[in-house]
Amino acid sequence: METNGLDVLTDFDECPCTGGTLDKLIQPAILVMLTEGPSHGYRLVERVGEMALWGGQKPNASGVYRLLKQMEARGLVASSWIFPESGPAKRAYQLTSIGEDCLKHWIETLTAYRDGISSLLKAARKAVATDH
């Protein structure tokens, strides 16, 4: 549908309101997982998908591997190759002290997000309840 030359949203599947933009939160999720010990990339993809925040949807594996590479370049994680007796070699990632410090900053940021979202939700519920 188009109105006044603008595309009007009629299909919410592509709308950010479905949570599709939550991929920015994959970094703190990975940092949290790596506090438990080293892990390889595909396992991190699986575990992120298991988190309630993503509703069982696995993130794009290529995107996670790119993010891990960026995180390693920034010193948040370190990687090494693991050569199992059977199967292909796997790159394992582990948290660095800089990554731990980053996670501490994420805790502050996520707390502020949560508080802001709570305030927004309260205002949105009030606005819908007094719908005109």
N, C-alpha and C. Protein backbone atom coordinates (compact mmCIF):
# COMPACT_ATOMS: atom_id res chain seq x y z
N MET A 1 0.84 -1.17 0.00
CA MET A 1 0.00 0.00 0.00
C MET A 1 0.89 1.23 0.00
N GLU A 2 0.49 2.25 -0.74
CA GLU A 2 1.25 3.49 -0.78
C GLU A 2 0.31 4.65 -0.53
N THR A 3 0.76 5.59 0.29
CA THR A 3 -0.03 6.77 0.61
C THR A 3 0.86 7.99 0.52
N ASN A 4 0.45 8.97 -0.27
CA ASN A 4 1.22 10.21 -0.43
C ASN A 4 2.68 9.95 -0.80
N GLY A 5 2.92 8.96 -1.65
CA GLY A 5 4.27 8.65 -2.08
C GLY A 5 5.08 7.88 -1.06
N LEU A 6 4.50 7.52 0.08
CA LEU A 6 5.21 6.77 1.13
C LEU A 6 4.71 5.34 1.16
N ASP A 7 5.61 4.42 1.44
CA ASP A 7 5.22 3.03 1.60
C ASP A 7 4.61 2.87 2.99
N VAL A 8 3.42 2.33 3.05
CA VAL A 8 2.74 2.11 4.33
C VAL A 8 2.97 0.66 4.75
N LEU A 9 3.33 0.49 6.00
CA LEU A 9 3.60 -0.84 6.54
C LEU A 9 2.31 -1.64 6.65
N THR A 10 2.26 -2.77 5.95
CA THR A 10 1.10 -3.65 6.05
C THR A 10 1.51 -5.05 6.49
N ASP A 11 2.81 -5.34 6.44
CA ASP A 11 3.31 -6.66 6.83
C ASP A 11 4.34 -6.47 7.93
N PHE A 12 4.01 -6.88 9.14
CA PHE A 12 4.89 -6.64 10.27
C PHE A 12 6.08 -7.60 10.32
N ASP A 13 6.15 -8.58 9.41
CA ASP A 13 7.27 -9.52 9.42
C ASP A 13 8.62 -8.81 9.24
N GLU A 14 8.64 -7.72 8.49
CA GLU A 14 9.88 -7.00 8.21
C GLU A 14 10.06 -5.79 9.12
N CYS A 15 9.20 -5.59 10.06
CA CYS A 15 9.22 -4.42 10.95
C CYS A 15 10.16 -4.66 12.14
N PRO A 16 10.90 -3.64 12.55
CA PRO A 16 11.74 -3.80 13.75
C PRO A 16 10.94 -4.18 14.99
N CYS A 17 9.62 -3.96 14.97
CA CYS A 17 8.80 -4.30 16.14
C CYS A 17 8.79 -5.80 16.43
N THR A 18 9.24 -6.62 15.48
CA THR A 18 9.30 -8.06 15.71
C THR A 18 10.58 -8.47 16.43
N GLY A 19 11.46 -7.50 16.69
CA GLY A 19 12.70 -7.81 17.40
C GLY A 19 13.85 -8.16 16.48
N GLY A 20 13.68 -7.98 15.19
CA GLY A 20 14.72 -8.34 14.23
C GLY A 20 16.00 -7.53 14.35
N THR A 21 15.97 -6.43 15.06
CA THR A 21 17.16 -5.61 15.20
C THR A 21 17.92 -5.91 16.50
N LEU A 22 17.57 -6.98 17.16
CA LEU A 22 18.22 -7.32 18.42
C LEU A 22 19.62 -7.91 18.23
N ASP A 23 20.07 -8.04 16.98
CA ASP A 23 21.37 -8.64 16.73
C ASP A 23 22.51 -7.86 17.38
N LYS A 24 22.30 -6.60 17.70
CA LYS A 24 23.33 -5.83 18.38
C LYS A 24 23.62 -6.41 19.76
N LEU A 25 22.71 -7.18 20.29
CA LEU A 25 22.89 -7.76 21.61
C LEU A 25 23.61 -9.12 21.57
N ILE A 26 24.01 -9.54 20.38
CA ILE A 26 24.74 -10.81 20.27
C ILE A 26 26.11 -10.69 20.95
N GLN A 27 26.76 -9.54 20.84
CA GLN A 27 28.08 -9.40 21.46
C GLN A 27 28.03 -9.64 22.96
N PRO A 28 27.16 -8.98 23.72
CA PRO A 28 27.16 -9.29 25.16
C PRO A 28 26.75 -10.73 25.43
N ALA A 29 25.89 -11.30 24.60
CA ALA A 29 25.50 -12.71 24.79
C ALA A 29 26.72 -13.61 24.64
N ILE A 30 27.54 -13.35 23.63
CA ILE A 30 28.76 -14.15 23.42
C ILE A 30 29.71 -13.97 24.60
N LEU A 31 29.87 -12.73 25.04
CA LEU A 31 30.77 -12.49 26.18
C LEU A 31 30.30 -13.27 27.41
N VAL A 32 29.00 -13.26 27.66
CA VAL A 32 28.46 -14.01 28.81
C VAL A 32 28.77 -15.50 28.65
N MET A 33 28.53 -16.05 27.46
CA MET A 33 28.76 -17.48 27.24
C MET A 33 30.22 -17.85 27.44
N LEU A 34 31.12 -16.96 27.03
CA LEU A 34 32.54 -17.26 27.14
C LEU A 34 33.05 -17.14 28.58
N THR A 35 32.25 -16.58 29.49
CA THR A 35 32.66 -16.59 30.90
C THR A 35 32.66 -18.01 31.45
N GLU A 36 31.92 -18.90 30.78
CA GLU A 36 31.84 -20.30 31.19
C GLU A 36 33.00 -21.13 30.68
N GLY A 37 33.81 -20.55 29.79
CA GLY A 37 34.95 -21.26 29.23
C GLY A 37 34.97 -21.15 27.72
N PRO A 38 36.05 -21.62 27.10
CA PRO A 38 36.18 -21.52 25.65
C PRO A 38 35.07 -22.27 24.91
N SER A 39 34.78 -21.79 23.72
CA SER A 39 33.75 -22.43 22.90
C SER A 39 34.07 -22.14 21.44
N HIS A 40 33.63 -23.04 20.56
CA HIS A 40 33.83 -22.79 19.14
C HIS A 40 32.64 -22.02 18.58
N GLY A 41 32.85 -21.39 17.43
CA GLY A 41 31.88 -20.48 16.85
C GLY A 41 30.50 -21.06 16.64
N TYR A 42 30.42 -22.26 16.06
CA TYR A 42 29.09 -22.81 15.77
C TYR A 42 28.31 -23.07 17.05
N ARG A 43 28.99 -23.50 18.09
CA ARG A 43 28.31 -23.73 19.38
C ARG A 43 27.79 -22.41 19.94
N LEU A 44 28.54 -21.34 19.76
CA LEU A 44 28.08 -20.02 20.19
C LEU A 44 26.83 -19.61 19.43
N VAL A 45 26.79 -19.88 18.12
CA VAL A 45 25.60 -19.59 17.31
C VAL A 45 24.40 -20.34 17.88
N GLU A 46 24.58 -21.63 18.16
CA GLU A 46 23.50 -22.44 18.70
C GLU A 46 23.01 -21.89 20.04
N ARG A 47 23.95 -21.55 20.91
CA ARG A 47 23.59 -21.09 22.26
C ARG A 47 22.89 -19.73 22.22
N VAL A 48 23.32 -18.85 21.33
CA VAL A 48 22.63 -17.56 21.19
C VAL A 48 21.18 -17.82 20.78
N GLY A 49 20.98 -18.75 19.84
CA GLY A 49 19.63 -19.08 19.39
C GLY A 49 18.76 -19.66 20.48
N GLU A 50 19.37 -20.28 21.47
CA GLU A 50 18.63 -20.87 22.59
C GLU A 50 18.18 -19.83 23.61
N MET A 51 18.76 -18.64 23.55
CA MET A 51 18.40 -17.60 24.52
C MET A 51 17.00 -17.09 24.25
N ALA A 52 16.25 -16.85 25.31
CA ALA A 52 14.86 -16.40 25.20
C ALA A 52 14.75 -15.11 24.39
N LEU A 53 15.75 -14.27 24.44
CA LEU A 53 15.73 -12.99 23.74
C LEU A 53 15.51 -13.14 22.24
N TRP A 54 15.98 -14.24 21.68
CA TRP A 54 15.86 -14.46 20.24
C TRP A 54 14.73 -15.41 19.88
N GLY A 55 13.97 -15.84 20.83
CA GLY A 55 12.80 -16.66 20.55
C GLY A 55 13.09 -17.94 19.78
N GLY A 56 14.24 -18.55 20.05
CA GLY A 56 14.58 -19.80 19.38
C GLY A 56 15.13 -19.64 17.97
N GLN A 57 15.30 -18.42 17.51
CA GLN A 57 15.85 -18.17 16.17
C GLN A 57 17.37 -18.08 16.24
N LYS A 58 18.05 -18.93 15.51
CA LYS A 58 19.51 -18.85 15.46
C LYS A 58 19.91 -17.60 14.69
N PRO A 59 20.92 -16.91 15.16
CA PRO A 59 21.41 -15.77 14.38
C PRO A 59 22.12 -16.28 13.13
N ASN A 60 22.36 -15.39 12.21
CA ASN A 60 23.10 -15.73 10.99
C ASN A 60 24.52 -16.13 11.39
N ALA A 61 24.90 -17.37 11.08
CA ALA A 61 26.21 -17.88 11.48
C ALA A 61 27.35 -17.05 10.90
N SER A 62 27.22 -16.65 9.65
CA SER A 62 28.28 -15.83 9.03
C SER A 62 28.46 -14.52 9.79
N GLY A 63 27.34 -13.93 10.20
CA GLY A 63 27.41 -12.69 10.96
C GLY A 63 28.09 -12.88 12.30
N VAL A 64 27.82 -14.01 12.95
CA VAL A 64 28.45 -14.28 14.24
C VAL A 64 29.95 -14.47 14.05
N TYR A 65 30.36 -15.20 13.01
CA TYR A 65 31.79 -15.39 12.76
C TYR A 65 32.47 -14.06 12.45
N ARG A 66 31.80 -13.18 11.70
CA ARG A 66 32.37 -11.84 11.44
C ARG A 66 32.51 -11.07 12.75
N LEU A 67 31.48 -11.15 13.59
CA LEU A 67 31.52 -10.46 14.88
C LEU A 67 32.66 -11.01 15.75
N LEU A 68 32.83 -12.32 15.77
CA LEU A 68 33.92 -12.91 16.55
C LEU A 68 35.27 -12.42 16.05
N LYS A 69 35.42 -12.30 14.75
CA LYS A 69 36.67 -11.80 14.17
C LYS A 69 36.90 -10.35 14.60
N GLN A 70 35.84 -9.53 14.58
CA GLN A 70 35.95 -8.14 15.03
C GLN A 70 36.27 -8.08 16.52
N MET A 71 35.61 -8.93 17.29
CA MET A 71 35.85 -8.96 18.73
C MET A 71 37.30 -9.36 19.03
N GLU A 72 37.83 -10.28 18.24
CA GLU A 72 39.22 -10.70 18.43
C GLU A 72 40.16 -9.55 18.06
N ALA A 73 39.88 -8.84 16.99
CA ALA A 73 40.71 -7.71 16.57
C ALA A 73 40.73 -6.61 17.64
N ARG A 74 39.63 -6.48 18.37
CA ARG A 74 39.53 -5.47 19.43
C ARG A 74 40.08 -5.99 20.76
N GLY A 75 40.48 -7.25 20.82
CA GLY A 75 41.07 -7.81 22.03
C GLY A 75 40.07 -8.33 23.04
N LEU A 76 38.78 -8.45 22.64
CA LEU A 76 37.76 -8.92 23.57
C LEU A 76 37.81 -10.44 23.75
N VAL A 77 38.20 -11.13 22.70
CA VAL A 77 38.32 -12.59 22.73
C VAL A 77 39.65 -12.97 22.07
N ALA A 78 40.09 -14.16 22.38
CA ALA A 78 41.27 -14.74 21.73
C ALA A 78 40.85 -16.09 21.19
N SER A 79 41.51 -16.51 20.12
CA SER A 79 41.13 -17.81 19.55
C SER A 79 42.36 -18.69 19.36
N SER A 80 42.08 -19.98 19.30
CA SER A 80 43.12 -20.98 19.01
C SER A 80 42.45 -22.14 18.31
N TRP A 81 43.24 -22.89 17.58
CA TRP A 81 42.70 -24.03 16.84
C TRP A 81 42.71 -25.27 17.72
N ILE A 82 41.63 -26.04 17.62
CA ILE A 82 41.52 -27.33 18.30
C ILE A 82 41.48 -28.39 17.20
N PHE A 83 42.30 -29.43 17.34
CA PHE A 83 42.37 -30.50 16.35
C PHE A 83 41.87 -31.80 16.97
N PRO A 84 40.56 -32.07 16.85
CA PRO A 84 40.02 -33.31 17.44
C PRO A 84 40.55 -34.54 16.69
N GLU A 85 40.47 -35.70 17.35
CA GLU A 85 40.94 -36.95 16.73
C GLU A 85 40.15 -37.27 15.48
N SER A 86 38.86 -36.90 15.48
CA SER A 86 38.05 -37.11 14.28
C SER A 86 37.31 -35.81 13.98
N GLY A 87 37.07 -35.58 12.73
CA GLY A 87 36.36 -34.37 12.32
C GLY A 87 37.32 -33.23 12.03
N PRO A 88 36.77 -32.16 11.55
CA PRO A 88 37.62 -31.02 11.16
C PRO A 88 38.13 -30.23 12.37
N ALA A 89 39.18 -29.48 12.12
CA ALA A 89 39.70 -28.59 13.15
C ALA A 89 38.67 -27.50 13.43
N LYS A 90 38.65 -27.02 14.65
CA LYS A 90 37.70 -25.97 15.04
C LYS A 90 38.46 -24.85 15.75
N ARG A 91 38.01 -23.64 15.50
CA ARG A 91 38.59 -22.50 16.20
C ARG A 91 37.79 -22.28 17.48
N ALA A 92 38.49 -22.28 18.61
CA ALA A 92 37.85 -22.05 19.91
C ALA A 92 38.14 -20.62 20.35
N TYR A 93 37.12 -19.99 20.89
CA TYR A 93 37.24 -18.61 21.37
C TYR A 93 37.17 -18.60 22.88
N GLN A 94 37.95 -17.71 23.48
CA GLN A 94 37.91 -17.54 24.92
C GLN A 94 37.92 -16.06 25.25
N LEU A 95 37.36 -15.74 26.38
CA LEU A 95 37.25 -14.38 26.85
C LEU A 95 38.60 -13.87 27.34
N THR A 96 38.92 -12.63 27.03
CA THR A 96 40.13 -12.00 27.54
C THR A 96 39.76 -11.06 28.69
N SER A 97 40.75 -10.52 29.37
CA SER A 97 40.47 -9.57 30.45
C SER A 97 39.81 -8.31 29.89
N ILE A 98 40.17 -7.91 28.69
CA ILE A 98 39.50 -6.76 28.06
C ILE A 98 38.04 -7.11 27.78
N GLY A 99 37.79 -8.35 27.37
CA GLY A 99 36.41 -8.80 27.15
C GLY A 99 35.60 -8.78 28.44
N GLU A 100 36.23 -9.16 29.55
CA GLU A 100 35.55 -9.11 30.85
C GLU A 100 35.19 -7.67 31.20
N ASP A 101 36.12 -6.74 30.96
CA ASP A 101 35.84 -5.33 31.21
C ASP A 101 34.71 -4.83 30.32
N CYS A 102 34.70 -5.26 29.07
CA CYS A 102 33.64 -4.89 28.14
C CYS A 102 32.30 -5.41 28.65
N LEU A 103 32.27 -6.63 29.15
CA LEU A 103 31.04 -7.21 29.68
C LEU A 103 30.52 -6.38 30.86
N LYS A 104 31.42 -5.90 31.69
CA LYS A 104 31.01 -5.04 32.81
C LYS A 104 30.34 -3.77 32.30
N HIS A 105 30.88 -3.20 31.23
CA HIS A 105 30.25 -2.02 30.62
C HIS A 105 28.89 -2.38 30.02
N TRP A 106 28.80 -3.56 29.42
CA TRP A 106 27.51 -4.01 28.86
C TRP A 106 26.46 -4.12 29.96
N ILE A 107 26.87 -4.56 31.14
CA ILE A 107 25.91 -4.68 32.24
C ILE A 107 25.30 -3.31 32.54
N GLU A 108 26.13 -2.28 32.59
CA GLU A 108 25.63 -0.92 32.81
C GLU A 108 24.72 -0.49 31.67
N THR A 109 25.13 -0.74 30.43
CA THR A 109 24.36 -0.35 29.26
C THR A 109 23.02 -1.08 29.22
N LEU A 110 23.05 -2.40 29.45
CA LEU A 110 21.82 -3.18 29.41
C LEU A 110 20.87 -2.79 30.54
N THR A 111 21.42 -2.43 31.70
CA THR A 111 20.58 -1.97 32.79
C THR A 111 19.87 -0.67 32.40
N ALA A 112 20.60 0.24 31.77
CA ALA A 112 19.99 1.50 31.31
C ALA A 112 18.95 1.22 30.23
N TYR A 113 19.24 0.29 29.30
CA TYR A 113 18.26 -0.09 28.27
C TYR A 113 16.99 -0.63 28.92
N ARG A 114 17.18 -1.55 29.88
CA ARG A 114 16.04 -2.15 30.55
C ARG A 114 15.17 -1.08 31.21
N ASP A 115 15.81 -0.16 31.91
CA ASP A 115 15.06 0.89 32.58
C ASP A 115 14.33 1.77 31.57
N GLY A 116 15.00 2.10 30.48
CA GLY A 116 14.37 2.90 29.43
C GLY A 116 13.23 2.17 28.76
N ILE A 117 13.42 0.87 28.51
CA ILE A 117 12.36 0.07 27.89
C ILE A 117 11.17 -0.05 28.83
N SER A 118 11.43 -0.22 30.13
CA SER A 118 10.33 -0.29 31.10
C SER A 118 9.51 1.00 31.08
N SER A 119 10.19 2.11 31.02
CA SER A 119 9.51 3.40 30.96
C SER A 119 8.70 3.54 29.67
N LEU A 120 9.30 3.14 28.55
CA LEU A 120 8.61 3.20 27.26
C LEU A 120 7.39 2.28 27.26
N LEU A 121 7.54 1.07 27.80
CA LEU A 121 6.42 0.13 27.87
C LEU A 121 5.27 0.70 28.69
N LYS A 122 5.60 1.30 29.81
CA LYS A 122 4.57 1.89 30.66
C LYS A 122 3.81 2.97 29.89
N ALA A 123 4.54 3.84 29.19
CA ALA A 123 3.90 4.90 28.41
C ALA A 123 3.08 4.33 27.25
N ALA A 124 3.60 3.29 26.59
CA ALA A 124 2.89 2.67 25.47
C ALA A 124 1.60 2.01 25.95
N ARG A 125 1.68 1.29 27.06
CA ARG A 125 0.47 0.64 27.60
C ARG A 125 -0.59 1.68 27.98
N LYS A 126 -0.14 2.78 28.55
CA LYS A 126 -1.05 3.86 28.93
C LYS A 126 -1.70 4.47 27.68
N ALA A 127 -0.87 4.67 26.64
CA ALA A 127 -1.39 5.25 25.40
C ALA A 127 -2.40 4.34 24.74
N VAL A 128 -2.17 3.04 24.74
CA VAL A 128 -3.10 2.09 24.12
C VAL A 128 -4.36 1.97 24.96
N ALA A 129 -4.22 2.02 26.25
CA ALA A 129 -5.38 1.90 27.14
C ALA A 129 -6.32 3.10 26.99
N THR A 130 -5.77 4.24 26.63
CA THR A 130 -6.60 5.44 26.43
C THR A 130 -6.74 5.73 24.95
N ASP A 131 -6.74 4.62 24.15
CA ASP A 131 -6.85 4.75 22.69
C ASP A 131 -8.06 5.58 22.31
N HIS A 132 -7.84 6.45 21.36
CA HIS A 132 -8.88 7.39 20.92
C HIS A 132 -9.80 6.75 19.93
